[in-house]
Amino acid sequence: MDFQIVEESLLAMIGSFTGQLAADQLADMADLVRHGERGIAFEILCTQLDEYEVPVGQEALSTLRTIAASMEIDPDYCDRLETREERR
């Protein structure tokens, strides 16, 4: 996956949590993506989803895993979300 596709996918994923995470946090994450800090934005997104116990469906989780793999980010960020969803 090239950087443009990763960026677009990550921005779409961030936008998909509008109304579930604070608007200013989502805007900050999107800003980070646009300024080349995709990895930091991804880690913050996953951390916030976990911290605020936002439901993450299987499709979104799959997309997050694809984004993480393409950026070589530790899959633990996604694993925590999946483990939390399984406990529900």
PDB file of N, CA and C in Angstrom:
ATOM      1  N   MET A   1       0.859  -1.180   0.000  1.00  0.00           N
ATOM      2  CA  MET A   1       0.000   0.000   0.000  1.00  0.00           C
ATOM      3  C   MET A   1       0.900   1.236   0.000  1.00  0.00           C
ATOM      4  N   ASP A   2       0.691   2.138  -0.951  1.00  0.00           N
ATOM      5  CA  ASP A   2       1.548   3.322  -0.986  1.00  0.00           C
ATOM      6  C   ASP A   2       1.079   4.369   0.028  1.00  0.00           C
ATOM      7  N   PHE A   3       1.941   5.341   0.266  1.00  0.00           N
ATOM      8  CA  PHE A   3       1.670   6.326   1.315  1.00  0.00           C
ATOM      9  C   PHE A   3       0.387   7.101   1.090  1.00  0.00           C
ATOM     10  N   GLN A   4       0.074   7.421  -0.161  1.00  0.00           N
ATOM     11  CA  GLN A   4      -1.156   8.164  -0.454  1.00  0.00           C
ATOM     12  C   GLN A   4      -2.387   7.356  -0.054  1.00  0.00           C
ATOM     13  N   ILE A   5      -2.382   6.072  -0.384  1.00  0.00           N
ATOM     14  CA  ILE A   5      -3.512   5.205  -0.024  1.00  0.00           C
ATOM     15  C   ILE A   5      -3.592   5.033   1.481  1.00  0.00           C
ATOM     16  N   VAL A   6      -2.440   4.866   2.132  1.00  0.00           N
ATOM     17  CA  VAL A   6      -2.410   4.750   3.601  1.00  0.00           C
ATOM     18  C   VAL A   6      -2.989   6.006   4.223  1.00  0.00           C
ATOM     19  N   GLU A   7      -2.552   7.151   3.722  1.00  0.00           N
ATOM     20  CA  GLU A   7      -3.032   8.422   4.259  1.00  0.00           C
ATOM     21  C   GLU A   7      -4.546   8.558   4.089  1.00  0.00           C
ATOM     22  N   GLU A   8      -5.044   8.246   2.902  1.00  0.00           N
ATOM     23  CA  GLU A   8      -6.481   8.338   2.643  1.00  0.00           C
ATOM     24  C   GLU A   8      -7.265   7.367   3.524  1.00  0.00           C
ATOM     25  N   SER A   9      -6.749   6.149   3.662  1.00  0.00           N
ATOM     26  CA  SER A   9      -7.419   5.146   4.499  1.00  0.00           C
ATOM     27  C   SER A   9      -7.439   5.571   5.955  1.00  0.00           C
ATOM     28  N   LEU A  10      -6.322   6.101   6.427  1.00  0.00           N
ATOM     29  CA  LEU A  10      -6.249   6.531   7.818  1.00  0.00           C
ATOM     30  C   LEU A  10      -7.158   7.730   8.074  1.00  0.00           C
ATOM     31  N   LEU A  11      -7.179   8.683   7.161  1.00  0.00           N
ATOM     32  CA  LEU A  11      -8.087   9.830   7.316  1.00  0.00           C
ATOM     33  C   LEU A  11      -9.545   9.382   7.322  1.00  0.00           C
ATOM     34  N   ALA A  12      -9.883   8.429   6.455  1.00  0.00           N
ATOM     35  CA  ALA A  12     -11.256   7.910   6.425  1.00  0.00           C
ATOM     36  C   ALA A  12     -11.586   7.201   7.732  1.00  0.00           C
ATOM     37  N   MET A  13     -10.631   6.444   8.254  1.00  0.00           N
ATOM     38  CA  MET A  13     -10.849   5.732   9.511  1.00  0.00           C
ATOM     39  C   MET A  13     -11.039   6.724  10.653  1.00  0.00           C
ATOM     40  N   ILE A  14     -10.213   7.759  10.695  1.00  0.00           N
ATOM     41  CA  ILE A  14     -10.354   8.783  11.731  1.00  0.00           C
ATOM     42  C   ILE A  14     -11.744   9.415  11.627  1.00  0.00           C
ATOM     43  N   GLY A  15     -12.144   9.765  10.424  1.00  0.00           N
ATOM     44  CA  GLY A  15     -13.456  10.373  10.209  1.00  0.00           C
ATOM     45  C   GLY A  15     -14.612   9.471  10.584  1.00  0.00           C
ATOM     46  N   SER A  16     -14.397   8.170  10.484  1.00  0.00           N
ATOM     47  CA  SER A  16     -15.488   7.238  10.791  1.00  0.00           C
ATOM     48  C   SER A  16     -15.851   7.216  12.282  1.00  0.00           C
ATOM     49  N   PHE A  17     -14.995   7.788  13.108  1.00  0.00           N
ATOM     50  CA  PHE A  17     -15.282   7.812  14.544  1.00  0.00           C
ATOM     51  C   PHE A  17     -15.792   9.175  15.012  1.00  0.00           C
ATOM     52  N   THR A  18     -16.234   9.997  14.055  1.00  0.00           N
ATOM     53  CA  THR A  18     -16.855  11.274  14.387  1.00  0.00           C
ATOM     54  C   THR A  18     -18.086  11.010  15.252  1.00  0.00           C
ATOM     55  N   GLY A  19     -18.198  11.729  16.340  1.00  0.00           N
ATOM     56  CA  GLY A  19     -19.310  11.546  17.263  1.00  0.00           C
ATOM     57  C   GLY A  19     -19.022  10.528  18.346  1.00  0.00           C
ATOM     58  N   GLN A  20     -17.948   9.759  18.169  1.00  0.00           N
ATOM     59  CA  GLN A  20     -17.586   8.766  19.183  1.00  0.00           C
ATOM     60  C   GLN A  20     -16.332   9.165  19.949  1.00  0.00           C
ATOM     61  N   LEU A  21     -15.511   9.990  19.329  1.00  0.00           N
ATOM     62  CA  LEU A  21     -14.348  10.580  19.991  1.00  0.00           C
ATOM     63  C   LEU A  21     -14.489  12.091  19.852  1.00  0.00           C
ATOM     64  N   ALA A  22     -13.836  12.826  20.721  1.00  0.00           N
ATOM     65  CA  ALA A  22     -13.932  14.285  20.712  1.00  0.00           C
ATOM     66  C   ALA A  22     -13.468  14.853  19.369  1.00  0.00           C
ATOM     67  N   ALA A  23     -14.222  15.826  18.873  1.00  0.00           N
ATOM     68  CA  ALA A  23     -13.935  16.426  17.574  1.00  0.00           C
ATOM     69  C   ALA A  23     -12.530  17.027  17.516  1.00  0.00           C
ATOM     70  N   ASP A  24     -12.097  17.664  18.603  1.00  0.00           N
ATOM     71  CA  ASP A  24     -10.764  18.272  18.587  1.00  0.00           C
ATOM     72  C   ASP A  24      -9.669  17.207  18.533  1.00  0.00           C
ATOM     73  N   GLN A  25      -9.895  16.068  19.165  1.00  0.00           N
ATOM     74  CA  GLN A  25      -8.916  14.979  19.101  1.00  0.00           C
ATOM     75  C   GLN A  25      -8.841  14.427  17.679  1.00  0.00           C
ATOM     76  N   LEU A  26     -10.000  14.219  17.053  1.00  0.00           N
ATOM     77  CA  LEU A  26     -10.025  13.723  15.684  1.00  0.00           C
ATOM     78  C   LEU A  26      -9.350  14.709  14.730  1.00  0.00           C
ATOM     79  N   ALA A  27      -9.597  15.987  14.927  1.00  0.00           N
ATOM     80  CA  ALA A  27      -8.969  17.015  14.085  1.00  0.00           C
ATOM     81  C   ALA A  27      -7.449  16.997  14.260  1.00  0.00           C
ATOM     82  N   ASP A  28      -6.989  16.834  15.491  1.00  0.00           N
ATOM     83  CA  ASP A  28      -5.547  16.758  15.747  1.00  0.00           C
ATOM     84  C   ASP A  28      -4.931  15.547  15.057  1.00  0.00           C
ATOM     85  N   MET A  29      -5.632  14.401  15.107  1.00  0.00           N
ATOM     86  CA  MET A  29      -5.127  13.192  14.444  1.00  0.00           C
ATOM     87  C   MET A  29      -5.053  13.408  12.934  1.00  0.00           C
ATOM     88  N   ALA A  30      -6.090  13.998  12.362  1.00  0.00           N
ATOM     89  CA  ALA A  30      -6.105  14.256  10.921  1.00  0.00           C
ATOM     90  C   ALA A  30      -4.977  15.207  10.539  1.00  0.00           C
ATOM     91  N   ASP A  31      -4.732  16.201  11.367  1.00  0.00           N
ATOM     92  CA  ASP A  31      -3.629  17.140  11.145  1.00  0.00           C
ATOM     93  C   ASP A  31      -2.285  16.412  11.127  1.00  0.00           C
ATOM     94  N   LEU A  32      -2.109  15.501  12.069  1.00  0.00           N
ATOM     95  CA  LEU A  32      -0.869  14.726  12.121  1.00  0.00           C
ATOM     96  C   LEU A  32      -0.679  13.935  10.830  1.00  0.00           C
ATOM     97  N   VAL A  33      -1.740  13.322  10.352  1.00  0.00           N
ATOM     98  CA  VAL A  33      -1.657  12.552   9.104  1.00  0.00           C
ATOM     99  C   VAL A  33      -1.226  13.461   7.958  1.00  0.00           C
ATOM    100  N   ARG A  34      -1.869  14.606   7.855  1.00  0.00           N
ATOM    101  CA  ARG A  34      -1.566  15.536   6.763  1.00  0.00           C
ATOM    102  C   ARG A  34      -0.150  16.099   6.828  1.00  0.00           C
ATOM    103  N   HIS A  35       0.451  16.064   8.007  1.00  0.00           N
ATOM    104  CA  HIS A  35       1.813  16.558   8.175  1.00  0.00           C
ATOM    105  C   HIS A  35       2.837  15.425   8.222  1.00  0.00           C
ATOM    106  N   GLY A  36       2.449  14.257   7.720  1.00  0.00           N
ATOM    107  CA  GLY A  36       3.387  13.161   7.584  1.00  0.00           C
ATOM    108  C   GLY A  36       3.618  12.322   8.825  1.00  0.00           C
ATOM    109  N   GLU A  37       2.845  12.554   9.867  1.00  0.00           N
ATOM    110  CA  GLU A  37       2.991  11.802  11.117  1.00  0.00           C
ATOM    111  C   GLU A  37       1.910  10.727  11.206  1.00  0.00           C
ATOM    112  N   ARG A  38       1.836   9.885  10.182  1.00  0.00           N
ATOM    113  CA  ARG A  38       0.798   8.857  10.103  1.00  0.00           C
ATOM    114  C   ARG A  38       0.856   7.869  11.265  1.00  0.00           C
ATOM    115  N   GLY A  39       2.068   7.442  11.593  1.00  0.00           N
ATOM    116  CA  GLY A  39       2.232   6.460  12.666  1.00  0.00           C
ATOM    117  C   GLY A  39       1.753   6.981  14.010  1.00  0.00           C
ATOM    118  N   ILE A  40       2.104   8.222  14.309  1.00  0.00           N
ATOM    119  CA  ILE A  40       1.676   8.822  15.572  1.00  0.00           C
ATOM    120  C   ILE A  40       0.159   8.955  15.594  1.00  0.00           C
ATOM    121  N   ALA A  41      -0.418   9.402  14.485  1.00  0.00           N
ATOM    122  CA  ALA A  41      -1.874   9.539  14.403  1.00  0.00           C
ATOM    123  C   ALA A  41      -2.553   8.191  14.608  1.00  0.00           C
ATOM    124  N   PHE A  42      -2.009   7.147  13.979  1.00  0.00           N
ATOM    125  CA  PHE A  42      -2.583   5.807  14.115  1.00  0.00           C
ATOM    126  C   PHE A  42      -2.535   5.341  15.573  1.00  0.00           C
ATOM    127  N   GLU A  43      -1.384   5.501  16.204  1.00  0.00           N
ATOM    128  CA  GLU A  43      -1.228   5.068  17.596  1.00  0.00           C
ATOM    129  C   GLU A  43      -2.169   5.826  18.526  1.00  0.00           C
ATOM    130  N   ILE A  44      -2.311   7.128  18.301  1.00  0.00           N
ATOM    131  CA  ILE A  44      -3.230   7.925  19.124  1.00  0.00           C
ATOM    132  C   ILE A  44      -4.664   7.465  18.904  1.00  0.00           C
ATOM    133  N   LEU A  45      -5.036   7.228  17.651  1.00  0.00           N
ATOM    134  CA  LEU A  45      -6.399   6.771  17.356  1.00  0.00           C
ATOM    135  C   LEU A  45      -6.702   5.478  18.102  1.00  0.00           C
ATOM    136  N   CYS A  46      -5.836   4.498  17.973  1.00  0.00           N
ATOM    137  CA  CYS A  46      -6.075   3.208  18.632  1.00  0.00           C
ATOM    138  C   CYS A  46      -6.098   3.358  20.155  1.00  0.00           C
ATOM    139  N   THR A  47      -5.211   4.173  20.677  1.00  0.00           N
ATOM    140  CA  THR A  47      -5.162   4.390  22.124  1.00  0.00           C
ATOM    141  C   THR A  47      -6.449   5.040  22.614  1.00  0.00           C
ATOM    142  N   GLN A  48      -6.934   6.035  21.869  1.00  0.00           N
ATOM    143  CA  GLN A  48      -8.174   6.716  22.268  1.00  0.00           C
ATOM    144  C   GLN A  48      -9.380   5.780  22.153  1.00  0.00           C
ATOM    145  N   LEU A  49      -9.422   4.992  21.108  1.00  0.00           N
ATOM    146  CA  LEU A  49     -10.523   4.032  20.960  1.00  0.00           C
ATOM    147  C   LEU A  49     -10.549   3.059  22.124  1.00  0.00           C
ATOM    148  N   ASP A  50      -9.382   2.620  22.530  1.00  0.00           N
ATOM    149  CA  ASP A  50      -9.281   1.688  23.653  1.00  0.00           C
ATOM    150  C   ASP A  50      -9.640   2.388  24.968  1.00  0.00           C
ATOM    151  N   GLU A  51      -9.046   3.543  25.195  1.00  0.00           N
ATOM    152  CA  GLU A  51      -9.261   4.267  26.453  1.00  0.00           C
ATOM    153  C   GLU A  51     -10.726   4.637  26.673  1.00  0.00           C
ATOM    154  N   TYR A  52     -11.391   5.084  25.610  1.00  0.00           N
ATOM    155  CA  TYR A  52     -12.783   5.507  25.737  1.00  0.00           C
ATOM    156  C   TYR A  52     -13.771   4.377  25.431  1.00  0.00           C
ATOM    157  N   GLU A  53     -13.228   3.169  25.236  1.00  0.00           N
ATOM    158  CA  GLU A  53     -14.036   1.975  25.002  1.00  0.00           C
ATOM    159  C   GLU A  53     -15.041   2.156  23.863  1.00  0.00           C
ATOM    160  N   VAL A  54     -14.553   2.737  22.775  1.00  0.00           N
ATOM    161  CA  VAL A  54     -15.386   2.936  21.592  1.00  0.00           C
ATOM    162  C   VAL A  54     -15.516   1.597  20.864  1.00  0.00           C
ATOM    163  N   PRO A  55     -16.734   1.196  20.530  1.00  0.00           N
ATOM    164  CA  PRO A  55     -16.904  -0.061  19.783  1.00  0.00           C
ATOM    165  C   PRO A  55     -16.231   0.019  18.409  1.00  0.00           C
ATOM    166  N   VAL A  56     -15.493  -1.020  18.089  1.00  0.00           N
ATOM    167  CA  VAL A  56     -14.801  -1.089  16.806  1.00  0.00           C
ATOM    168  C   VAL A  56     -15.246  -2.390  16.142  1.00  0.00           C
ATOM    169  N   GLY A  57     -15.997  -2.273  15.073  1.00  0.00           N
ATOM    170  CA  GLY A  57     -16.494  -3.461  14.380  1.00  0.00           C
ATOM    171  C   GLY A  57     -15.383  -4.214  13.660  1.00  0.00           C
ATOM    172  N   GLN A  58     -15.706  -5.413  13.208  1.00  0.00           N
ATOM    173  CA  GLN A  58     -14.714  -6.267  12.544  1.00  0.00           C
ATOM    174  C   GLN A  58     -14.178  -5.636  11.260  1.00  0.00           C
ATOM    175  N   GLU A  59     -15.027  -4.966  10.510  1.00  0.00           N
ATOM    176  CA  GLU A  59     -14.562  -4.330   9.277  1.00  0.00           C
ATOM    177  C   GLU A  59     -13.562  -3.220   9.574  1.00  0.00           C
ATOM    178  N   ALA A  60     -13.877  -2.380  10.566  1.00  0.00           N
ATOM    179  CA  ALA A  60     -12.967  -1.307  10.954  1.00  0.00           C
ATOM    180  C   ALA A  60     -11.666  -1.888  11.503  1.00  0.00           C
ATOM    181  N   LEU A  61     -11.775  -2.935  12.295  1.00  0.00           N
ATOM    182  CA  LEU A  61     -10.588  -3.576  12.858  1.00  0.00           C
ATOM    183  C   LEU A  61      -9.711  -4.144  11.741  1.00  0.00           C
ATOM    184  N   SER A  62     -10.322  -4.728  10.755  1.00  0.00           N
ATOM    185  CA  SER A  62      -9.578  -5.266   9.612  1.00  0.00           C
ATOM    186  C   SER A  62      -8.842  -4.142   8.871  1.00  0.00           C
ATOM    187  N   THR A  63      -9.515  -3.022   8.692  1.00  0.00           N
ATOM    188  CA  THR A  63      -8.890  -1.874   8.032  1.00  0.00           C
ATOM    189  C   THR A  63      -7.733  -1.348   8.864  1.00  0.00           C
ATOM    190  N   LEU A  64      -7.935  -1.252  10.179  1.00  0.00           N
ATOM    191  CA  LEU A  64      -6.861  -0.805  11.060  1.00  0.00           C
ATOM    192  C   LEU A  64      -5.662  -1.745  10.974  1.00  0.00           C
ATOM    193  N   ARG A  65      -5.914  -3.036  10.932  1.00  0.00           N
ATOM    194  CA  ARG A  65      -4.817  -4.019  10.815  1.00  0.00           C
ATOM    195  C   ARG A  65      -4.052  -3.843   9.498  1.00  0.00           C
ATOM    196  N   THR A  66      -4.770  -3.599   8.422  1.00  0.00           N
ATOM    197  CA  THR A  66      -4.131  -3.390   7.117  1.00  0.00           C
ATOM    198  C   THR A  66      -3.261  -2.136   7.150  1.00  0.00           C
ATOM    199  N   ILE A  67      -3.797  -1.074   7.730  1.00  0.00           N
ATOM    200  CA  ILE A  67      -3.036   0.176   7.839  1.00  0.00           C
ATOM    201  C   ILE A  67      -1.788  -0.053   8.692  1.00  0.00           C
ATOM    202  N   ALA A  68      -1.948  -0.723   9.825  1.00  0.00           N
ATOM    203  CA  ALA A  68      -0.816  -0.985  10.720  1.00  0.00           C
ATOM    204  C   ALA A  68       0.266  -1.795  10.001  1.00  0.00           C
ATOM    205  N   ALA A  69      -0.147  -2.832   9.290  1.00  0.00           N
ATOM    206  CA  ALA A  69       0.821  -3.677   8.585  1.00  0.00           C
ATOM    207  C   ALA A  69       1.562  -2.888   7.513  1.00  0.00           C
ATOM    208  N   SER A  70       0.838  -2.032   6.796  1.00  0.00           N
ATOM    209  CA  SER A  70       1.475  -1.270   5.725  1.00  0.00           C
ATOM    210  C   SER A  70       2.465  -0.236   6.264  1.00  0.00           C
ATOM    211  N   MET A  71       2.268   0.200   7.504  1.00  0.00           N
ATOM    212  CA  MET A  71       3.186   1.163   8.115  1.00  0.00           C
ATOM    213  C   MET A  71       4.170   0.493   9.074  1.00  0.00           C
ATOM    214  N   GLU A  72       4.105  -0.841   9.146  1.00  0.00           N
ATOM    215  CA  GLU A  72       4.969  -1.620  10.027  1.00  0.00           C
ATOM    216  C   GLU A  72       4.846  -1.167  11.487  1.00  0.00           C
ATOM    217  N   ILE A  73       3.601  -0.969  11.910  1.00  0.00           N
ATOM    218  CA  ILE A  73       3.294  -0.584  13.297  1.00  0.00           C
ATOM    219  C   ILE A  73       2.991  -1.844  14.086  1.00  0.00           C
ATOM    220  N   ASP A  74       3.403  -1.862  15.320  1.00  0.00           N
ATOM    221  CA  ASP A  74       3.179  -2.994  16.214  1.00  0.00           C
ATOM    222  C   ASP A  74       1.704  -3.379  16.204  1.00  0.00           C
ATOM    223  N   PRO A  75       1.383  -4.627  15.862  1.00  0.00           N
ATOM    224  CA  PRO A  75      -0.019  -5.059  15.810  1.00  0.00           C
ATOM    225  C   PRO A  75      -0.705  -5.059  17.180  1.00  0.00           C
ATOM    226  N   ASP A  76       0.045  -4.865  18.244  1.00  0.00           N
ATOM    227  CA  ASP A  76      -0.539  -4.823  19.584  1.00  0.00           C
ATOM    228  C   ASP A  76      -1.610  -3.743  19.699  1.00  0.00           C
ATOM    229  N   TYR A  77      -1.461  -2.651  18.954  1.00  0.00           N
ATOM    230  CA  TYR A  77      -2.473  -1.595  19.000  1.00  0.00           C
ATOM    231  C   TYR A  77      -3.838  -2.140  18.579  1.00  0.00           C
ATOM    232  N   CYS A  78      -3.862  -2.960  17.537  1.00  0.00           N
ATOM    233  CA  CYS A  78      -5.106  -3.560  17.063  1.00  0.00           C
ATOM    234  C   CYS A  78      -5.527  -4.724  17.953  1.00  0.00           C
ATOM    235  N   ASP A  79      -4.557  -5.477  18.433  1.00  0.00           N
ATOM    236  CA  ASP A  79      -4.864  -6.624  19.301  1.00  0.00           C
ATOM    237  C   ASP A  79      -5.630  -6.190  20.541  1.00  0.00           C
ATOM    238  N   ARG A  80      -5.239  -5.054  21.114  1.00  0.00           N
ATOM    239  CA  ARG A  80      -5.947  -4.560  22.304  1.00  0.00           C
ATOM    240  C   ARG A  80      -7.393  -4.247  21.995  1.00  0.00           C
ATOM    241  N   LEU A  81      -7.648  -3.681  20.832  1.00  0.00           N
ATOM    242  CA  LEU A  81      -9.029  -3.364  20.453  1.00  0.00           C
ATOM    243  C   LEU A  81      -9.831  -4.634  20.227  1.00  0.00           C
ATOM    244  N   GLU A  82      -9.217  -5.615  19.579  1.00  0.00           N
ATOM    245  CA  GLU A  82      -9.910  -6.870  19.318  1.00  0.00           C
ATOM    246  C   GLU A  82     -10.202  -7.604  20.623  1.00  0.00           C
ATOM    247  N   THR A  83      -9.245  -7.647  21.523  1.00  0.00           N
ATOM    248  CA  THR A  83      -9.436  -8.315  22.814  1.00  0.00           C
ATOM    249  C   THR A  83     -10.566  -7.655  23.588  1.00  0.00           C
ATOM    250  N   ARG A  84     -10.610  -6.335  23.561  1.00  0.00           N
ATOM    251  CA  ARG A  84     -11.672  -5.610  24.269  1.00  0.00           C
ATOM    252  C   ARG A  84     -13.036  -5.931  23.663  1.00  0.00           C
ATOM    253  N   GLU A  85     -13.108  -5.987  22.330  1.00  0.00           N
ATOM    254  CA  GLU A  85     -14.370  -6.292  21.667  1.00  0.00           C
ATOM    255  C   GLU A  85     -14.835  -7.708  21.987  1.00  0.00           C
ATOM    256  N   GLU A  86     -13.906  -8.650  22.102  1.00  0.00           N
ATOM    257  CA  GLU A  86     -14.263 -10.037  22.408  1.00  0.00           C
ATOM    258  C   GLU A  86     -14.843 -10.177  23.819  1.00  0.00           C
ATOM    259  N   ARG A  87     -14.440  -9.290  24.724  1.00  0.00           N
ATOM    260  CA  ARG A  87     -14.932  -9.348  26.104  1.00  0.00           C
ATOM    261  C   ARG A  87     -16.355  -8.831  26.218  1.00  0.00           C
ATOM    262  N   ARG A  88     -16.815  -8.106  25.238  1.00  0.00           N
ATOM    263  CA  ARG A  88     -18.178  -7.523  25.315  1.00  0.00           C
ATOM    264  C   ARG A  88     -19.231  -8.583  25.184  1.00  0.00           C
TER     265      ARG A  88
END
